[in-house]
């Protein structure tokens, strides 16, 4: 039976942010809420040196592609809803393992 792996990449604009502590507060809150709700792996990727952008990558594995795609879409929707900062990009990639 094939296994599918999904990666969701979301990016937020942190306009007006001028310190790393405020960025970490937003990032850690989003990561914890997403982990608790969807049991996915999540980490910041590629925006560690930027104070005005936050990119998070989420990964999940399943044997059902449609279930996996739905989970990633729900993750993105929940993150956009709970984050006070605007989401500027969201992409889902699914591969067969």
PDB file of N, CA and C in Angstrom:
ATOM      1  N   UNK A   1       0.851  -1.178   0.000  1.00  0.00           N
ATOM      2  CA  UNK A   1       0.000   0.000   0.000  1.00  0.00           C
ATOM      3  C   UNK A   1       0.896   1.239   0.000  1.00  0.00           C
ATOM      4  N   UNK A   2       0.625   2.190  -0.875  1.00  0.00           N
ATOM      5  CA  UNK A   2       1.477   3.386  -0.931  1.00  0.00           C
ATOM      6  C   UNK A   2       1.248   4.299   0.276  1.00  0.00           C
ATOM      7  N   UNK A   3       2.302   4.977   0.659  1.00  0.00           N
ATOM      8  CA  UNK A   3       2.228   5.986   1.717  1.00  0.00           C
ATOM      9  C   UNK A   3       2.438   7.347   1.067  1.00  0.00           C
ATOM     10  N   UNK A   4       1.762   8.333   1.573  1.00  0.00           N
ATOM     11  CA  UNK A   4       1.862   9.687   1.047  1.00  0.00           C
ATOM     12  C   UNK A   4       2.435  10.608   2.120  1.00  0.00           C
ATOM     13  N   UNK A   5       3.273  11.515   1.688  1.00  0.00           N
ATOM     14  CA  UNK A   5       3.822  12.517   2.592  1.00  0.00           C
ATOM     15  C   UNK A   5       3.433  13.890   2.048  1.00  0.00           C
ATOM     16  N   UNK A   6       2.921  14.722   2.930  1.00  0.00           N
ATOM     17  CA  UNK A   6       2.486  16.066   2.537  1.00  0.00           C
ATOM     18  C   UNK A   6       3.339  17.099   3.249  1.00  0.00           C
ATOM     19  N   UNK A   7       3.681  18.153   2.513  1.00  0.00           N
ATOM     20  CA  UNK A   7       4.370  19.284   3.110  1.00  0.00           C
ATOM     21  C   UNK A   7       3.569  20.540   2.808  1.00  0.00           C
ATOM     22  N   UNK A   8       3.188  21.216   3.854  1.00  0.00           N
ATOM     23  CA  UNK A   8       2.480  22.491   3.746  1.00  0.00           C
ATOM     24  C   UNK A   8       3.454  23.596   4.126  1.00  0.00           C
ATOM     25  N   UNK A   9       3.591  24.577   3.262  1.00  0.00           N
ATOM     26  CA  UNK A   9       4.428  25.738   3.550  1.00  0.00           C
ATOM     27  C   UNK A   9       3.518  26.956   3.629  1.00  0.00           C
ATOM     28  N   UNK A  10       3.580  27.664   4.747  1.00  0.00           N
ATOM     29  CA  UNK A  10       2.785  28.875   4.926  1.00  0.00           C
ATOM     30  C   UNK A  10       3.729  30.018   5.278  1.00  0.00           C
ATOM     31  N   UNK A  11       3.384  31.191   4.782  1.00  0.00           N
ATOM     32  CA  UNK A  11       4.214  32.359   5.071  1.00  0.00           C
ATOM     33  C   UNK A  11       3.334  33.502   5.567  1.00  0.00           C
ATOM     34  N   UNK A  12       3.836  34.166   6.597  1.00  0.00           N
ATOM     35  CA  UNK A  12       3.129  35.290   7.203  1.00  0.00           C
ATOM     36  C   UNK A  12       3.974  36.548   7.098  1.00  0.00           C
ATOM     37  N   UNK A  13       3.302  37.679   6.940  1.00  0.00           N
ATOM     38  CA  UNK A  13       3.961  38.980   6.927  1.00  0.00           C
ATOM     39  C   UNK A  13       3.853  39.570   8.327  1.00  0.00           C
ATOM     40  N   UNK A  14       4.977  39.910   8.905  1.00  0.00           N
ATOM     41  CA  UNK A  14       5.001  40.475  10.253  1.00  0.00           C
ATOM     42  C   UNK A  14       5.346  41.962  10.166  1.00  0.00           C
ATOM     43  N   UNK A  15       4.542  42.704   9.436  1.00  0.00           N
ATOM     44  CA  UNK A  15       4.792  44.133   9.241  1.00  0.00           C
ATOM     45  C   UNK A  15       4.805  44.857  10.586  1.00  0.00           C
ATOM     46  N   UNK A  16       5.755  45.747  10.725  1.00  0.00           N
ATOM     47  CA  UNK A  16       5.853  46.517  11.954  1.00  0.00           C
ATOM     48  C   UNK A  16       6.602  45.796  13.060  1.00  0.00           C
ATOM     49  N   UNK A  17       6.966  44.538  12.843  1.00  0.00           N
ATOM     50  CA  UNK A  17       7.706  43.806  13.865  1.00  0.00           C
ATOM     51  C   UNK A  17       9.156  44.273  13.852  1.00  0.00           C
ATOM     52  N   UNK A  18       9.694  44.602  15.018  1.00  0.00           N
ATOM     53  CA  UNK A  18      11.064  45.095  15.070  1.00  0.00           C
ATOM     54  C   UNK A  18      11.958  44.333  16.033  1.00  0.00           C
ATOM     55  N   UNK A  19      11.459  43.186  16.541  1.00  0.00           N
ATOM     56  CA  UNK A  19      12.349  42.406  17.403  1.00  0.00           C
ATOM     57  C   UNK A  19      12.066  40.909  17.291  1.00  0.00           C
ATOM     58  N   UNK A  20      13.103  40.154  17.563  1.00  0.00           N
ATOM     59  CA  UNK A  20      13.049  38.699  17.432  1.00  0.00           C
ATOM     60  C   UNK A  20      12.109  38.067  18.458  1.00  0.00           C
ATOM     61  N   UNK A  21      12.040  38.658  19.631  1.00  0.00           N
ATOM     62  CA  UNK A  21      11.188  38.105  20.691  1.00  0.00           C
ATOM     63  C   UNK A  21       9.717  38.087  20.267  1.00  0.00           C
ATOM     64  N   UNK A  22       9.251  39.148  19.641  1.00  0.00           N
ATOM     65  CA  UNK A  22       7.856  39.212  19.178  1.00  0.00           C
ATOM     66  C   UNK A  22       7.613  38.190  18.077  1.00  0.00           C
ATOM     67  N   UNK A  23       8.590  38.030  17.178  1.00  0.00           N
ATOM     68  CA  UNK A  23       8.459  37.042  16.110  1.00  0.00           C
ATOM     69  C   UNK A  23       8.377  35.637  16.700  1.00  0.00           C
ATOM     70  N   UNK A  24       9.234  35.326  17.655  1.00  0.00           N
ATOM     71  CA  UNK A  24       9.235  33.998  18.287  1.00  0.00           C
ATOM     72  C   UNK A  24       7.918  33.732  18.999  1.00  0.00           C
ATOM     73  N   UNK A  25       7.338  34.750  19.589  1.00  0.00           N
ATOM     74  CA  UNK A  25       6.057  34.590  20.282  1.00  0.00           C
ATOM     75  C   UNK A  25       4.981  34.137  19.295  1.00  0.00           C
ATOM     76  N   UNK A  26       4.931  34.791  18.127  1.00  0.00           N
ATOM     77  CA  UNK A  26       3.961  34.422  17.091  1.00  0.00           C
ATOM     78  C   UNK A  26       4.248  33.006  16.590  1.00  0.00           C
ATOM     79  N   UNK A  27       5.528  32.722  16.286  1.00  0.00           N
ATOM     80  CA  UNK A  27       5.909  31.417  15.744  1.00  0.00           C
ATOM     81  C   UNK A  27       5.607  30.289  16.726  1.00  0.00           C
ATOM     82  N   UNK A  28       6.002  30.452  17.968  1.00  0.00           N
ATOM     83  CA  UNK A  28       5.799  29.391  18.958  1.00  0.00           C
ATOM     84  C   UNK A  28       4.320  29.143  19.233  1.00  0.00           C
ATOM     85  N   UNK A  29       3.535  30.196  19.253  1.00  0.00           N
ATOM     86  CA  UNK A  29       2.102  30.037  19.457  1.00  0.00           C
ATOM     87  C   UNK A  29       1.474  29.252  18.306  1.00  0.00           C
ATOM     88  N   UNK A  30       1.814  29.637  17.080  1.00  0.00           N
ATOM     89  CA  UNK A  30       1.281  28.924  15.915  1.00  0.00           C
ATOM     90  C   UNK A  30       1.715  27.466  15.896  1.00  0.00           C
ATOM     91  N   UNK A  31       2.988  27.226  16.187  1.00  0.00           N
ATOM     92  CA  UNK A  31       3.496  25.845  16.164  1.00  0.00           C
ATOM     93  C   UNK A  31       2.789  24.979  17.203  1.00  0.00           C
ATOM     94  N   UNK A  32       2.635  25.507  18.421  1.00  0.00           N
ATOM     95  CA  UNK A  32       2.000  24.720  19.479  1.00  0.00           C
ATOM     96  C   UNK A  32       0.529  24.428  19.179  1.00  0.00           C
ATOM     97  N   UNK A  33      -0.203  25.438  18.724  1.00  0.00           N
ATOM     98  CA  UNK A  33      -1.623  25.239  18.406  1.00  0.00           C
ATOM     99  C   UNK A  33      -1.806  24.242  17.263  1.00  0.00           C
ATOM    100  N   UNK A  34      -0.938  24.319  16.274  1.00  0.00           N
ATOM    101  CA  UNK A  34      -1.043  23.418  15.120  1.00  0.00           C
ATOM    102  C   UNK A  34      -0.684  21.993  15.505  1.00  0.00           C
ATOM    103  N   UNK A  35       0.383  21.823  16.277  1.00  0.00           N
ATOM    104  CA  UNK A  35       0.753  20.473  16.755  1.00  0.00           C
ATOM    105  C   UNK A  35      -0.371  19.850  17.565  1.00  0.00           C
ATOM    106  N   UNK A  36      -0.937  20.634  18.472  1.00  0.00           N
ATOM    107  CA  UNK A  36      -2.003  20.120  19.335  1.00  0.00           C
ATOM    108  C   UNK A  36      -3.246  19.724  18.552  1.00  0.00           C
ATOM    109  N   UNK A  37      -3.587  20.501  17.537  1.00  0.00           N
ATOM    110  CA  UNK A  37      -4.817  20.250  16.791  1.00  0.00           C
ATOM    111  C   UNK A  37      -4.677  19.158  15.745  1.00  0.00           C
ATOM    112  N   UNK A  38      -3.493  19.036  15.116  1.00  0.00           N
ATOM    113  CA  UNK A  38      -3.373  18.157  13.952  1.00  0.00           C
ATOM    114  C   UNK A  38      -2.275  17.098  14.046  1.00  0.00           C
ATOM    115  N   UNK A  39      -1.479  17.099  15.111  1.00  0.00           N
ATOM    116  CA  UNK A  39      -0.419  16.112  15.280  1.00  0.00           C
ATOM    117  C   UNK A  39       0.499  16.044  14.046  1.00  0.00           C
ATOM    118  N   UNK A  40       1.042  17.195  13.667  1.00  0.00           N
ATOM    119  CA  UNK A  40       1.964  17.293  12.530  1.00  0.00           C
ATOM    120  C   UNK A  40       3.317  17.776  13.024  1.00  0.00           C
ATOM    121  N   UNK A  41       4.352  17.505  12.232  1.00  0.00           N
ATOM    122  CA  UNK A  41       5.670  18.070  12.507  1.00  0.00           C
ATOM    123  C   UNK A  41       5.691  19.467  11.903  1.00  0.00           C
ATOM    124  N   UNK A  42       6.262  20.436  12.619  1.00  0.00           N
ATOM    125  CA  UNK A  42       6.259  21.821  12.138  1.00  0.00           C
ATOM    126  C   UNK A  42       7.522  22.529  12.592  1.00  0.00           C
ATOM    127  N   UNK A  43       8.085  23.340  11.682  1.00  0.00           N
ATOM    128  CA  UNK A  43       9.291  24.097  11.998  1.00  0.00           C
ATOM    129  C   UNK A  43       9.375  25.338  11.119  1.00  0.00           C
ATOM    130  N   UNK A  44      10.109  26.336  11.611  1.00  0.00           N
ATOM    131  CA  UNK A  44      10.384  27.515  10.797  1.00  0.00           C
ATOM    132  C   UNK A  44      11.439  27.146   9.767  1.00  0.00           C
ATOM    133  N   UNK A  45      11.295  27.677   8.551  1.00  0.00           N
ATOM    134  CA  UNK A  45      12.226  27.323   7.474  1.00  0.00           C
ATOM    135  C   UNK A  45      12.533  28.523   6.590  1.00  0.00           C
ATOM    136  N   UNK A  46      13.770  28.948   6.597  1.00  0.00           N
ATOM    137  CA  UNK A  46      14.229  29.938   5.643  1.00  0.00           C
ATOM    138  C   UNK A  46      14.020  31.390   5.996  1.00  0.00           C
ATOM    139  N   UNK A  47      13.347  31.682   7.094  1.00  0.00           N
ATOM    140  CA  UNK A  47      13.125  33.087   7.445  1.00  0.00           C
ATOM    141  C   UNK A  47      13.687  33.412   8.821  1.00  0.00           C
ATOM    142  N   UNK A  48      14.620  32.611   9.290  1.00  0.00           N
ATOM    143  CA  UNK A  48      15.166  32.800  10.634  1.00  0.00           C
ATOM    144  C   UNK A  48      15.828  34.170  10.816  1.00  0.00           C
ATOM    145  N   UNK A  49      16.399  34.733   9.753  1.00  0.00           N
ATOM    146  CA  UNK A  49      17.100  36.015   9.854  1.00  0.00           C
ATOM    147  C   UNK A  49      16.229  37.220   9.521  1.00  0.00           C
ATOM    148  N   UNK A  50      14.956  36.998   9.259  1.00  0.00           N
ATOM    149  CA  UNK A  50      14.047  38.087   8.916  1.00  0.00           C
ATOM    150  C   UNK A  50      13.122  38.389  10.087  1.00  0.00           C
ATOM    151  N   UNK A  51      12.959  39.668  10.370  1.00  0.00           N
ATOM    152  CA  UNK A  51      12.015  40.062  11.415  1.00  0.00           C
ATOM    153  C   UNK A  51      10.621  40.300  10.860  1.00  0.00           C
ATOM    154  N   UNK A  52      10.507  40.478   9.541  1.00  0.00           N
ATOM    155  CA  UNK A  52       9.214  40.832   8.949  1.00  0.00           C
ATOM    156  C   UNK A  52       8.519  39.683   8.221  1.00  0.00           C
ATOM    157  N   UNK A  53       9.167  38.508   8.159  1.00  0.00           N
ATOM    158  CA  UNK A  53       8.558  37.346   7.505  1.00  0.00           C
ATOM    159  C   UNK A  53       8.702  36.119   8.393  1.00  0.00           C
ATOM    160  N   UNK A  54       7.676  35.262   8.344  1.00  0.00           N
ATOM    161  CA  UNK A  54       7.703  33.995   9.062  1.00  0.00           C
ATOM    162  C   UNK A  54       7.206  32.911   8.120  1.00  0.00           C
ATOM    163  N   UNK A  55       8.052  31.930   7.829  1.00  0.00           N
ATOM    164  CA  UNK A  55       7.660  30.793   6.991  1.00  0.00           C
ATOM    165  C   UNK A  55       7.732  29.539   7.852  1.00  0.00           C
ATOM    166  N   UNK A  56       6.610  28.806   7.888  1.00  0.00           N
ATOM    167  CA  UNK A  56       6.537  27.551   8.629  1.00  0.00           C
ATOM    168  C   UNK A  56       6.268  26.412   7.651  1.00  0.00           C
ATOM    169  N   UNK A  57       6.930  25.284   7.870  1.00  0.00           N
ATOM    170  CA  UNK A  57       6.709  24.080   7.066  1.00  0.00           C
ATOM    171  C   UNK A  57       6.146  22.997   7.975  1.00  0.00           C
ATOM    172  N   UNK A  58       5.066  22.371   7.500  1.00  0.00           N
ATOM    173  CA  UNK A  58       4.411  21.292   8.230  1.00  0.00           C
ATOM    174  C   UNK A  58       4.514  20.027   7.408  1.00  0.00           C
ATOM    175  N   UNK A  59       4.700  18.892   8.082  1.00  0.00           N
ATOM    176  CA  UNK A  59       4.809  17.616   7.391  1.00  0.00           C
ATOM    177  C   UNK A  59       3.919  16.599   8.085  1.00  0.00           C
ATOM    178  N   UNK A  60       3.261  15.774   7.262  1.00  0.00           N
ATOM    179  CA  UNK A  60       2.426  14.699   7.785  1.00  0.00           C
ATOM    180  C   UNK A  60       2.453  13.528   6.809  1.00  0.00           C
ATOM    181  N   UNK A  61       2.222  12.333   7.325  1.00  0.00           N
ATOM    182  CA  UNK A  61       2.248  11.108   6.519  1.00  0.00           C
ATOM    183  C   UNK A  61       0.937  10.354   6.706  1.00  0.00           C
ATOM    184  N   UNK A  62       0.442   9.751   5.613  1.00  0.00           N
ATOM    185  CA  UNK A  62      -0.788   8.970   5.675  1.00  0.00           C
ATOM    186  C   UNK A  62      -0.827   7.996   4.501  1.00  0.00           C
ATOM    187  N   UNK A  63      -1.673   6.994   4.598  1.00  0.00           N
ATOM    188  CA  UNK A  63      -1.867   6.084   3.465  1.00  0.00           C
ATOM    189  C   UNK A  63      -3.064   6.503   2.611  1.00  0.00           C
ATOM    190  N   UNK A  64      -3.684   7.645   2.960  1.00  0.00           N
ATOM    191  CA  UNK A  64      -4.841   8.147   2.231  1.00  0.00           C
ATOM    192  C   UNK A  64      -4.554   9.573   1.754  1.00  0.00           C
ATOM    193  N   UNK A  65      -4.381   9.742   0.445  1.00  0.00           N
ATOM    194  CA  UNK A  65      -3.992  11.037  -0.102  1.00  0.00           C
ATOM    195  C   UNK A  65      -5.052  12.121   0.131  1.00  0.00           C
ATOM    196  N   UNK A  66      -6.319  11.784  -0.062  1.00  0.00           N
ATOM    197  CA  UNK A  66      -7.366  12.791   0.106  1.00  0.00           C
ATOM    198  C   UNK A  66      -7.485  13.234   1.565  1.00  0.00           C
ATOM    199  N   UNK A  67      -7.329  12.294   2.482  1.00  0.00           N
ATOM    200  CA  UNK A  67      -7.345  12.629   3.913  1.00  0.00           C
ATOM    201  C   UNK A  67      -6.182  13.564   4.243  1.00  0.00           C
ATOM    202  N   UNK A  68      -5.028  13.272   3.680  1.00  0.00           N
ATOM    203  CA  UNK A  68      -3.830  14.075   3.922  1.00  0.00           C
ATOM    204  C   UNK A  68      -3.993  15.493   3.366  1.00  0.00           C
ATOM    205  N   UNK A  69      -4.508  15.597   2.165  1.00  0.00           N
ATOM    206  CA  UNK A  69      -4.726  16.912   1.553  1.00  0.00           C
ATOM    207  C   UNK A  69      -5.728  17.734   2.388  1.00  0.00           C
ATOM    208  N   UNK A  70      -6.789  17.076   2.838  1.00  0.00           N
ATOM    209  CA  UNK A  70      -7.792  17.747   3.668  1.00  0.00           C
ATOM    210  C   UNK A  70      -7.176  18.227   4.983  1.00  0.00           C
ATOM    211  N   UNK A  71      -6.319  17.410   5.594  1.00  0.00           N
ATOM    212  CA  UNK A  71      -5.657  17.782   6.848  1.00  0.00           C
ATOM    213  C   UNK A  71      -4.787  19.019   6.639  1.00  0.00           C
ATOM    214  N   UNK A  72      -4.036  19.051   5.546  1.00  0.00           N
ATOM    215  CA  UNK A  72      -3.164  20.194   5.276  1.00  0.00           C
ATOM    216  C   UNK A  72      -3.969  21.464   5.026  1.00  0.00           C
ATOM    217  N   UNK A  73      -5.085  21.342   4.306  1.00  0.00           N
ATOM    218  CA  UNK A  73      -5.948  22.497   4.062  1.00  0.00           C
ATOM    219  C   UNK A  73      -6.554  23.016   5.367  1.00  0.00           C
ATOM    220  N   UNK A  74      -6.939  22.103   6.248  1.00  0.00           N
ATOM    221  CA  UNK A  74      -7.482  22.510   7.546  1.00  0.00           C
ATOM    222  C   UNK A  74      -6.416  23.175   8.407  1.00  0.00           C
ATOM    223  N   UNK A  75      -5.185  22.675   8.320  1.00  0.00           N
ATOM    224  CA  UNK A  75      -4.070  23.295   9.053  1.00  0.00           C
ATOM    225  C   UNK A  75      -3.888  24.735   8.603  1.00  0.00           C
ATOM    226  N   UNK A  76      -3.842  24.946   7.291  1.00  0.00           N
ATOM    227  CA  UNK A  76      -3.641  26.290   6.753  1.00  0.00           C
ATOM    228  C   UNK A  76      -4.782  27.216   7.165  1.00  0.00           C
ATOM    229  N   UNK A  77      -6.004  26.733   7.093  1.00  0.00           N
ATOM    230  CA  UNK A  77      -7.162  27.537   7.464  1.00  0.00           C
ATOM    231  C   UNK A  77      -7.127  27.902   8.948  1.00  0.00           C
ATOM    232  N   UNK A  78      -6.811  26.938   9.798  1.00  0.00           N
ATOM    233  CA  UNK A  78      -6.734  27.196  11.233  1.00  0.00           C
ATOM    234  C   UNK A  78      -5.624  28.205  11.542  1.00  0.00           C
ATOM    235  N   UNK A  79      -4.459  28.053  10.903  1.00  0.00           N
ATOM    236  CA  UNK A  79      -3.345  28.970  11.148  1.00  0.00           C
ATOM    237  C   UNK A  79      -3.705  30.390  10.707  1.00  0.00           C
ATOM    238  N   UNK A  80      -4.373  30.505   9.574  1.00  0.00           N
ATOM    239  CA  UNK A  80      -4.778  31.824   9.088  1.00  0.00           C
ATOM    240  C   UNK A  80      -5.793  32.461  10.036  1.00  0.00           C
ATOM    241  N   UNK A  81      -6.653  31.637  10.617  1.00  0.00           N
ATOM    242  CA  UNK A  81      -7.692  32.123  11.522  1.00  0.00           C
ATOM    243  C   UNK A  81      -7.126  32.588  12.860  1.00  0.00           C
ATOM    244  N   UNK A  82      -6.200  31.823  13.441  1.00  0.00           N
ATOM    245  CA  UNK A  82      -5.717  32.137  14.789  1.00  0.00           C
ATOM    246  C   UNK A  82      -4.566  33.137  14.811  1.00  0.00           C
ATOM    247  N   UNK A  83      -3.871  33.321  13.697  1.00  0.00           N
ATOM    248  CA  UNK A  83      -2.730  34.231  13.676  1.00  0.00           C
ATOM    249  C   UNK A  83      -3.192  35.666  13.433  1.00  0.00           C
ATOM    250  N   UNK A  84      -2.736  36.599  14.268  1.00  0.00           N
ATOM    251  CA  UNK A  84      -3.121  37.995  14.066  1.00  0.00           C
ATOM    252  C   UNK A  84      -2.432  38.630  12.852  1.00  0.00           C
ATOM    253  N   UNK A  85      -1.380  38.008  12.363  1.00  0.00           N
ATOM    254  CA  UNK A  85      -0.643  38.531  11.212  1.00  0.00           C
ATOM    255  C   UNK A  85      -1.225  37.956   9.919  1.00  0.00           C
ATOM    256  N   UNK A  86      -1.142  38.694   8.800  1.00  0.00           N
ATOM    257  CA  UNK A  86      -1.711  38.196   7.540  1.00  0.00           C
ATOM    258  C   UNK A  86      -0.880  37.085   6.908  1.00  0.00           C
ATOM    259  N   UNK A  87      -1.553  36.029   6.437  1.00  0.00           N
ATOM    260  CA  UNK A  87      -0.897  34.962   5.697  1.00  0.00           C
ATOM    261  C   UNK A  87      -0.711  35.446   4.263  1.00  0.00           C
ATOM    262  N   UNK A  88       0.511  35.369   3.752  1.00  0.00           N
ATOM    263  CA  UNK A  88       0.788  35.848   2.403  1.00  0.00           C
ATOM    264  C   UNK A  88       0.932  34.731   1.387  1.00  0.00           C
ATOM    265  N   UNK A  89       1.154  33.487   1.848  1.00  0.00           N
ATOM    266  CA  UNK A  89       1.325  32.376   0.914  1.00  0.00           C
ATOM    267  C   UNK A  89       1.024  31.062   1.618  1.00  0.00           C
ATOM    268  N   UNK A  90       0.525  30.109   0.842  1.00  0.00           N
ATOM    269  CA  UNK A  90       0.229  28.772   1.354  1.00  0.00           C
ATOM    270  C   UNK A  90       0.331  27.785   0.199  1.00  0.00           C
ATOM    271  N   UNK A  91       1.159  26.757   0.352  1.00  0.00           N
ATOM    272  CA  UNK A  91       1.339  25.758  -0.703  1.00  0.00           C
ATOM    273  C   UNK A  91       1.387  24.360  -0.098  1.00  0.00           C
ATOM    274  N   UNK A  92       0.741  23.412  -0.775  1.00  0.00           N
ATOM    275  CA  UNK A  92       0.757  22.027  -0.355  1.00  0.00           C
ATOM    276  C   UNK A  92       1.415  21.183  -1.447  1.00  0.00           C
ATOM    277  N   UNK A  93       2.349  20.332  -1.041  1.00  0.00           N
ATOM    278  CA  UNK A  93       2.968  19.369  -1.939  1.00  0.00           C
ATOM    279  C   UNK A  93       2.732  17.985  -1.357  1.00  0.00           C
ATOM    280  N   UNK A  94       2.329  17.037  -2.222  1.00  0.00           N
ATOM    281  CA  UNK A  94       2.122  15.659  -1.773  1.00  0.00           C
ATOM    282  C   UNK A  94       2.921  14.738  -2.661  1.00  0.00           C
ATOM    283  N   UNK A  95       3.696  13.842  -2.047  1.00  0.00           N
ATOM    284  CA  UNK A  95       4.499  12.870  -2.769  1.00  0.00           C
ATOM    285  C   UNK A  95       4.195  11.474  -2.266  1.00  0.00           C
ATOM    286  N   UNK A  96       4.418  10.500  -3.135  1.00  0.00           N
ATOM    287  CA  UNK A  96       4.271   9.097  -2.756  1.00  0.00           C
ATOM    288  C   UNK A  96       5.612   8.606  -2.220  1.00  0.00           C
ATOM    289  N   UNK A  97       5.575   7.918  -1.097  1.00  0.00           N
ATOM    290  CA  UNK A  97       6.801   7.394  -0.498  1.00  0.00           C
ATOM    291  C   UNK A  97       6.900   5.918  -0.799  1.00  0.00           C
TER     292      UNK A  97
END
